[in-house]
Amino acid sequence: MHDTTRPAPTEAAAHRPIDPGILYFGTPVVLLSTLNEDGTANLAPFSSVFWLGRRAVLGIGARSTTARNLLRTRECVLNLPSDDLAPAVDRLALTTGTDPVPPGKARRGYRHVRDKFARAGLGRTPSATVAPPRVTECPVHMEGEVRAVHPVAEDDAAARGGVLAFEVLVTRVHVTDALRLPGTADRVDPDAWRPLIMSFQHFYGLGPRRGPSALATIPEDLYR
């Protein structure tokens, strides 16, 4: 029986091929904390992440300080900011822990910042199962251990060696009481959780855009 409640399909001509510089249609923002060689904490914002069961898969530039830290220590914390932390996250945009700044990032306007926690105005809380600290203000912390590293785009001579996918086993999850589903011990209330979302270089919550992002000053083609 024909469903009259659904709109009629649009003609194929309504879709047109395009060649966008990036494909960030919307993913959660993560503040990833790792340890530098000198024992200080590094904090890096990124949004190339997804979860499968108890594992998180992180897409990170292979030459970044964060990637080097993960390869060396095999530990991290995935701190998930709520949408009201957009200004703090944006203070980390266009910053890098690598000194000197790599040429590719220099062309995009990045500058070296040694203490990312101070730059963002965020606090540190000790972790339970890994060495890197958690971000106090984030309502969700996922401590994790790197269990596998996979090269990305090995079939592309121009991109080969530039990106790594880290498979991280989540070893401990911390959430604020405000996010717990009433009457349960281990469930998160999705109506209470308001993640910060990155969509095409802009910050969103589960609703209208929350504010500007300094990353939007970078031409998309520079990400190719």
C-alpha atoms as a PDB file:
ATOM      1  CA  MET A   1       0.000   0.000   0.000  1.00  0.00           C
ATOM      2  CA  HIS A   2       1.402   3.411  -0.944  1.00  0.00           C
ATOM      3  CA  ASP A   3       2.397   5.570   2.032  1.00  0.00           C
ATOM      4  CA  THR A   4       0.793   8.974   1.440  1.00  0.00           C
ATOM      5  CA  THR A   5       2.364  10.458   4.582  1.00  0.00           C
ATOM      6  CA  ARG A   6       5.865  10.462   3.101  1.00  0.00           C
ATOM      7  CA  PRO A   7       6.945  13.176   0.657  1.00  0.00           C
ATOM      8  CA  ALA A   8       7.437  12.136  -2.936  1.00  0.00           C
ATOM      9  CA  PRO A   9      11.067  11.468  -3.868  1.00  0.00           C
ATOM     10  CA  THR A  10      12.851  14.350  -5.510  1.00  0.00           C
ATOM     11  CA  GLU A  11      14.191  14.060  -9.030  1.00  0.00           C
ATOM     12  CA  ALA A  12      17.759  12.854  -9.424  1.00  0.00           C
ATOM     13  CA  ALA A  13      18.665  16.156 -11.050  1.00  0.00           C
ATOM     14  CA  ALA A  14      18.212  17.851  -7.648  1.00  0.00           C
ATOM     15  CA  HIS A  15      21.549  16.303  -6.589  1.00  0.00           C
ATOM     16  CA  ARG A  16      24.662  17.659  -8.291  1.00  0.00           C
ATOM     17  CA  PRO A  17      28.257  16.446  -7.995  1.00  0.00           C
ATOM     18  CA  ILE A  18      30.593  18.726  -6.030  1.00  0.00           C
ATOM     19  CA  ASP A  19      34.207  18.454  -4.861  1.00  0.00           C
ATOM     20  CA  PRO A  20      34.354  19.796  -1.272  1.00  0.00           C
ATOM     21  CA  GLY A  21      37.760  20.287   0.323  1.00  0.00           C
ATOM     22  CA  ILE A  22      36.591  18.564   3.529  1.00  0.00           C
ATOM     23  CA  LEU A  23      33.819  16.103   4.382  1.00  0.00           C
ATOM     24  CA  TYR A  24      33.063  17.144   7.966  1.00  0.00           C
ATOM     25  CA  PHE A  25      29.282  16.900   7.879  1.00  0.00           C
ATOM     26  CA  GLY A  26      29.184  16.749  11.679  1.00  0.00           C
ATOM     27  CA  THR A  27      31.004  14.789  14.375  1.00  0.00           C
ATOM     28  CA  PRO A  28      31.532  15.251  18.126  1.00  0.00           C
ATOM     29  CA  VAL A  29      34.414  17.425  19.305  1.00  0.00           C
ATOM     30  CA  VAL A  30      37.004  15.674  21.475  1.00  0.00           C
ATOM     31  CA  LEU A  31      39.724  17.229  23.610  1.00  0.00           C
ATOM     32  CA  LEU A  32      42.396  14.535  23.593  1.00  0.00           C
ATOM     33  CA  SER A  33      44.881  14.664  26.461  1.00  0.00           C
ATOM     34  CA  THR A  34      48.242  12.887  26.142  1.00  0.00           C
ATOM     35  CA  LEU A  35      51.666  13.131  27.768  1.00  0.00           C
ATOM     36  CA  ASN A  36      54.650  14.815  26.122  1.00  0.00           C
ATOM     37  CA  GLU A  37      58.172  13.381  26.335  1.00  0.00           C
ATOM     38  CA  ASP A  38      59.003  15.684  29.252  1.00  0.00           C
ATOM     39  CA  GLY A  39      55.965  14.490  31.216  1.00  0.00           C
ATOM     40  CA  THR A  40      53.848  17.602  30.643  1.00  0.00           C
ATOM     41  CA  ALA A  41      50.285  17.258  29.391  1.00  0.00           C
ATOM     42  CA  ASN A  42      49.232  18.041  25.837  1.00  0.00           C
ATOM     43  CA  LEU A  43      45.654  18.852  24.859  1.00  0.00           C
ATOM     44  CA  ALA A  44      44.434  18.661  21.262  1.00  0.00           C
ATOM     45  CA  PRO A  45      40.950  19.359  19.878  1.00  0.00           C
ATOM     46  CA  PHE A  46      39.786  17.203  16.983  1.00  0.00           C
ATOM     47  CA  SER A  47      36.595  15.702  15.580  1.00  0.00           C
ATOM     48  CA  SER A  48      37.696  12.715  13.483  1.00  0.00           C
ATOM     49  CA  VAL A  49      36.399  10.072  15.881  1.00  0.00           C
ATOM     50  CA  PHE A  50      33.841   7.320  16.123  1.00  0.00           C
ATOM     51  CA  TRP A  51      33.076   4.468  18.523  1.00  0.00           C
ATOM     52  CA  LEU A  52      32.535   0.743  17.999  1.00  0.00           C
ATOM     53  CA  GLY A  53      31.565  -1.049  21.171  1.00  0.00           C
ATOM     54  CA  ARG A  54      34.235  -0.262  23.772  1.00  0.00           C
ATOM     55  CA  ARG A  55      36.694   0.996  21.171  1.00  0.00           C
ATOM     56  CA  ALA A  56      37.212   4.489  19.843  1.00  0.00           C
ATOM     57  CA  VAL A  57      38.799   5.085  16.443  1.00  0.00           C
ATOM     58  CA  LEU A  58      40.741   8.349  16.179  1.00  0.00           C
ATOM     59  CA  GLY A  59      41.973   9.893  12.929  1.00  0.00           C
ATOM     60  CA  ILE A  60      45.064  12.023  13.637  1.00  0.00           C
ATOM     61  CA  GLY A  61      47.812  13.615  11.568  1.00  0.00           C
ATOM     62  CA  ALA A  62      50.837  11.319  11.709  1.00  0.00           C
ATOM     63  CA  ARG A  63      53.330  14.147  12.249  1.00  0.00           C
ATOM     64  CA  SER A  64      51.438  15.830  15.103  1.00  0.00           C
ATOM     65  CA  THR A  65      52.581  15.974  18.713  1.00  0.00           C
ATOM     66  CA  THR A  66      49.456  14.027  19.686  1.00  0.00           C
ATOM     67  CA  ALA A  67      50.263  11.178  17.290  1.00  0.00           C
ATOM     68  CA  ARG A  68      53.841  10.971  18.548  1.00  0.00           C
ATOM     69  CA  ASN A  69      52.612  10.899  22.137  1.00  0.00           C
ATOM     70  CA  LEU A  70      50.124   8.129  21.388  1.00  0.00           C
ATOM     71  CA  LEU A  71      52.726   6.030  19.600  1.00  0.00           C
ATOM     72  CA  ARG A  72      55.166   6.426  22.496  1.00  0.00           C
ATOM     73  CA  THR A  73      52.915   6.094  25.571  1.00  0.00           C
ATOM     74  CA  ARG A  74      49.865   4.240  24.142  1.00  0.00           C
ATOM     75  CA  GLU A  75      47.616   6.177  26.554  1.00  0.00           C
ATOM     76  CA  CYS A  76      45.137   9.063  26.321  1.00  0.00           C
ATOM     77  CA  VAL A  77      41.896  10.542  27.615  1.00  0.00           C
ATOM     78  CA  LEU A  78      39.024  11.447  25.312  1.00  0.00           C
ATOM     79  CA  ASN A  79      37.368  14.423  26.994  1.00  0.00           C
ATOM     80  CA  LEU A  80      33.980  15.304  25.489  1.00  0.00           C
ATOM     81  CA  PRO A  81      33.009  18.972  25.910  1.00  0.00           C
ATOM     82  CA  SER A  82      29.405  20.089  26.147  1.00  0.00           C
ATOM     83  CA  ASP A  83      28.220  22.778  23.747  1.00  0.00           C
ATOM     84  CA  ASP A  84      28.669  25.569  26.313  1.00  0.00           C
ATOM     85  CA  LEU A  85      32.440  24.912  26.266  1.00  0.00           C
ATOM     86  CA  ALA A  86      32.745  26.090  22.654  1.00  0.00           C
ATOM     87  CA  PRO A  87      34.715  29.253  23.624  1.00  0.00           C
ATOM     88  CA  ALA A  88      37.296  27.198  25.555  1.00  0.00           C
ATOM     89  CA  VAL A  89      37.706  24.750  22.676  1.00  0.00           C
ATOM     90  CA  ASP A  90      38.064  27.592  20.205  1.00  0.00           C
ATOM     91  CA  ARG A  91      40.956  29.031  22.191  1.00  0.00           C
ATOM     92  CA  LEU A  92      42.858  25.886  21.192  1.00  0.00           C
ATOM     93  CA  ALA A  93      42.101  26.313  17.497  1.00  0.00           C
ATOM     94  CA  LEU A  94      45.110  27.164  15.317  1.00  0.00           C
ATOM     95  CA  THR A  95      47.534  26.048  18.062  1.00  0.00           C
ATOM     96  CA  THR A  96      49.997  23.162  18.015  1.00  0.00           C
ATOM     97  CA  GLY A  97      52.284  21.529  20.533  1.00  0.00           C
ATOM     98  CA  THR A  98      54.905  20.979  17.839  1.00  0.00           C
ATOM     99  CA  ASP A  99      57.844  23.392  17.770  1.00  0.00           C
ATOM    100  CA  PRO A 100      58.784  24.498  15.179  1.00  0.00           C
ATOM    101  CA  VAL A 101      55.339  24.636  13.597  1.00  0.00           C
ATOM    102  CA  PRO A 102      55.141  22.231  10.628  1.00  0.00           C
ATOM    103  CA  PRO A 103      54.968  24.014   7.226  1.00  0.00           C
ATOM    104  CA  GLY A 104      51.494  22.721   6.460  1.00  0.00           C
ATOM    105  CA  LYS A 105      50.098  24.084   9.707  1.00  0.00           C
ATOM    106  CA  ALA A 106      52.070  27.318   9.354  1.00  0.00           C
ATOM    107  CA  ARG A 107      50.317  27.945   6.028  1.00  0.00           C
ATOM    108  CA  ARG A 108      46.991  27.600   7.835  1.00  0.00           C
ATOM    109  CA  GLY A 109      47.962  30.108  10.527  1.00  0.00           C
ATOM    110  CA  TYR A 110      48.867  27.795  13.423  1.00  0.00           C
ATOM    111  CA  ARG A 111      51.241  28.852  16.206  1.00  0.00           C
ATOM    112  CA  HIS A 112      53.072  26.906  18.893  1.00  0.00           C
ATOM    113  CA  VAL A 113      51.539  26.819  22.391  1.00  0.00           C
ATOM    114  CA  ARG A 114      53.276  24.798  25.079  1.00  0.00           C
ATOM    115  CA  ASP A 115      50.584  24.746  27.802  1.00  0.00           C
ATOM    116  CA  LYS A 116      47.295  23.980  26.070  1.00  0.00           C
ATOM    117  CA  PHE A 117      45.360  23.637  29.330  1.00  0.00           C
ATOM    118  CA  ALA A 118      46.330  27.189  30.337  1.00  0.00           C
ATOM    119  CA  ARG A 119      45.551  28.488  26.842  1.00  0.00           C
ATOM    120  CA  ALA A 120      42.039  27.012  26.995  1.00  0.00           C
ATOM    121  CA  GLY A 121      41.492  28.034  30.626  1.00  0.00           C
ATOM    122  CA  LEU A 122      40.674  24.445  31.592  1.00  0.00           C
ATOM    123  CA  GLY A 123      41.576  22.453  34.704  1.00  0.00           C
ATOM    124  CA  ARG A 124      43.201  19.045  35.158  1.00  0.00           C
ATOM    125  CA  THR A 125      41.897  16.070  37.098  1.00  0.00           C
ATOM    126  CA  PRO A 126      44.004  12.910  37.680  1.00  0.00           C
ATOM    127  CA  SER A 127      42.955   9.827  35.725  1.00  0.00           C
ATOM    128  CA  ALA A 128      42.321   6.397  37.253  1.00  0.00           C
ATOM    129  CA  THR A 129      43.748   3.964  34.671  1.00  0.00           C
ATOM    130  CA  VAL A 130      46.096   6.063  32.495  1.00  0.00           C
ATOM    131  CA  ALA A 131      48.720   8.749  33.096  1.00  0.00           C
ATOM    132  CA  PRO A 132      47.342  11.725  31.070  1.00  0.00           C
ATOM    133  CA  PRO A 133      45.001  13.996  33.050  1.00  0.00           C
ATOM    134  CA  ARG A 134      41.320  14.517  32.406  1.00  0.00           C
ATOM    135  CA  VAL A 135      39.791  17.914  31.556  1.00  0.00           C
ATOM    136  CA  THR A 136      37.870  18.900  34.682  1.00  0.00           C
ATOM    137  CA  GLU A 137      35.200  20.969  32.949  1.00  0.00           C
ATOM    138  CA  CYS A 138      34.234  18.329  30.377  1.00  0.00           C
ATOM    139  CA  PRO A 139      31.179  16.332  31.511  1.00  0.00           C
ATOM    140  CA  VAL A 140      32.458  13.114  29.908  1.00  0.00           C
ATOM    141  CA  HIS A 141      35.935  11.557  30.243  1.00  0.00           C
ATOM    142  CA  MET A 142      36.974   8.332  28.496  1.00  0.00           C
ATOM    143  CA  GLU A 143      40.352   6.979  29.554  1.00  0.00           C
ATOM    144  CA  GLY A 144      41.897   4.728  26.950  1.00  0.00           C
ATOM    145  CA  GLU A 145      44.812   2.595  25.778  1.00  0.00           C
ATOM    146  CA  VAL A 146      45.996   2.375  22.164  1.00  0.00           C
ATOM    147  CA  ARG A 147      45.602  -1.226  20.994  1.00  0.00           C
ATOM    148  CA  ALA A 148      46.298  -0.832  17.262  1.00  0.00           C
ATOM    149  CA  VAL A 149      47.488   1.755  14.753  1.00  0.00           C
ATOM    150  CA  HIS A 150      46.389   1.694  11.123  1.00  0.00           C
ATOM    151  CA  PRO A 151      47.812   3.798   8.263  1.00  0.00           C
ATOM    152  CA  VAL A 152      45.220   5.714   6.249  1.00  0.00           C
ATOM    153  CA  ALA A 153      45.252   6.388   2.479  1.00  0.00           C
ATOM    154  CA  GLU A 154      48.116   4.013   1.742  1.00  0.00           C
ATOM    155  CA  ASP A 155      46.831   3.722  -1.834  1.00  0.00           C
ATOM    156  CA  ASP A 156      47.246   7.490  -2.413  1.00  0.00           C
ATOM    157  CA  ALA A 157      50.851   8.491  -3.127  1.00  0.00           C
ATOM    158  CA  ALA A 158      50.182  12.130  -2.235  1.00  0.00           C
ATOM    159  CA  ALA A 159      48.514  11.363   1.113  1.00  0.00           C
ATOM    160  CA  ARG A 160      50.448   8.241   2.120  1.00  0.00           C
ATOM    161  CA  GLY A 161      51.947   8.483   5.623  1.00  0.00           C
ATOM    162  CA  GLY A 162      50.030  11.619   6.550  1.00  0.00           C
ATOM    163  CA  VAL A 163      47.220  10.227   8.706  1.00  0.00           C
ATOM    164  CA  LEU A 164      46.981   7.409  11.230  1.00  0.00           C
ATOM    165  CA  ALA A 165      43.885   5.738  12.655  1.00  0.00           C
ATOM    166  CA  PHE A 166      44.365   4.838  16.311  1.00  0.00           C
ATOM    167  CA  GLU A 167      42.207   2.080  17.777  1.00  0.00           C
ATOM    168  CA  VAL A 168      41.739   2.880  21.465  1.00  0.00           C
ATOM    169  CA  LEU A 169      40.229   0.583  24.076  1.00  0.00           C
ATOM    170  CA  VAL A 170      38.183   2.628  26.569  1.00  0.00           C
ATOM    171  CA  THR A 171      39.329   1.542  30.033  1.00  0.00           C
ATOM    172  CA  ARG A 172      37.245   3.864  32.231  1.00  0.00           C
ATOM    173  CA  VAL A 173      34.329   6.258  31.646  1.00  0.00           C
ATOM    174  CA  HIS A 174      33.557   9.175  33.991  1.00  0.00           C
ATOM    175  CA  VAL A 175      30.422  11.333  33.681  1.00  0.00           C
ATOM    176  CA  THR A 176      28.906  14.048  35.827  1.00  0.00           C
ATOM    177  CA  ASP A 177      25.852  13.150  37.892  1.00  0.00           C
ATOM    178  CA  ALA A 178      23.805  15.551  35.762  1.00  0.00           C
ATOM    179  CA  LEU A 179      24.231  13.217  32.769  1.00  0.00           C
ATOM    180  CA  ARG A 180      23.161  10.002  34.513  1.00  0.00           C
ATOM    181  CA  LEU A 181      19.744   8.645  33.635  1.00  0.00           C
ATOM    182  CA  PRO A 182      17.637   8.780  36.820  1.00  0.00           C
ATOM    183  CA  GLY A 183      17.128   5.377  38.415  1.00  0.00           C
ATOM    184  CA  THR A 184      20.075   3.748  36.642  1.00  0.00           C
ATOM    185  CA  ALA A 185      23.713   3.157  37.551  1.00  0.00           C
ATOM    186  CA  ASP A 186      25.466   3.145  34.183  1.00  0.00           C
ATOM    187  CA  ARG A 187      23.242   4.867  31.626  1.00  0.00           C
ATOM    188  CA  VAL A 188      23.631   8.352  30.183  1.00  0.00           C
ATOM    189  CA  ASP A 189      20.497  10.448  29.741  1.00  0.00           C
ATOM    190  CA  PRO A 190      20.540  11.542  26.078  1.00  0.00           C
ATOM    191  CA  ASP A 191      18.161  14.386  26.893  1.00  0.00           C
ATOM    192  CA  ALA A 192      20.698  15.758  29.383  1.00  0.00           C
ATOM    193  CA  TRP A 193      23.779  15.308  27.165  1.00  0.00           C
ATOM    194  CA  ARG A 194      24.484  18.314  24.961  1.00  0.00           C
ATOM    195  CA  PRO A 195      27.633  17.502  22.938  1.00  0.00           C
ATOM    196  CA  LEU A 196      29.657  20.056  21.029  1.00  0.00           C
ATOM    197  CA  ILE A 197      29.505  19.217  17.320  1.00  0.00           C
ATOM    198  CA  MET A 198      31.888  20.333  14.566  1.00  0.00           C
ATOM    199  CA  SER A 199      30.203  20.700  11.174  1.00  0.00           C
ATOM    200  CA  PHE A 200      32.185  22.219   8.285  1.00  0.00           C
ATOM    201  CA  GLN A 201      34.500  24.177  10.607  1.00  0.00           C
ATOM    202  CA  HIS A 202      31.717  25.617  12.775  1.00  0.00           C
ATOM    203  CA  PHE A 203      30.501  24.701  16.265  1.00  0.00           C
ATOM    204  CA  TYR A 204      26.978  23.436  16.818  1.00  0.00           C
ATOM    205  CA  GLY A 205      25.031  21.860  19.630  1.00  0.00           C
ATOM    206  CA  LEU A 206      21.872  19.827  19.183  1.00  0.00           C
ATOM    207  CA  GLY A 207      20.220  22.901  17.713  1.00  0.00           C
ATOM    208  CA  PRO A 208      21.333  26.260  16.251  1.00  0.00           C
ATOM    209  CA  ARG A 209      24.997  27.135  15.910  1.00  0.00           C
ATOM    210  CA  ARG A 210      26.548  28.006  19.273  1.00  0.00           C
ATOM    211  CA  GLY A 211      29.263  30.342  18.059  1.00  0.00           C
ATOM    212  CA  PRO A 212      32.076  31.002  15.618  1.00  0.00           C
ATOM    213  CA  SER A 213      35.224  28.921  15.227  1.00  0.00           C
ATOM    214  CA  ALA A 214      38.662  30.286  14.410  1.00  0.00           C
ATOM    215  CA  LEU A 215      39.155  27.227  12.188  1.00  0.00           C
ATOM    216  CA  ALA A 216      36.640  28.725   9.775  1.00  0.00           C
ATOM    217  CA  THR A 217      39.307  31.265   8.775  1.00  0.00           C
ATOM    218  CA  ILE A 218      41.224  28.467   7.015  1.00  0.00           C
ATOM    219  CA  PRO A 219      40.256  27.950   3.350  1.00  0.00           C
ATOM    220  CA  GLU A 220      38.816  24.470   3.002  1.00  0.00           C
ATOM    221  CA  ASP A 221      41.089  23.614   0.072  1.00  0.00           C
ATOM    222  CA  LEU A 222      44.117  23.779   2.373  1.00  0.00           C
ATOM    223  CA  TYR A 223      42.875  20.547   3.965  1.00  0.00           C
ATOM    224  CA  ARG A 224      43.313  18.575   0.747  1.00  0.00           C
END
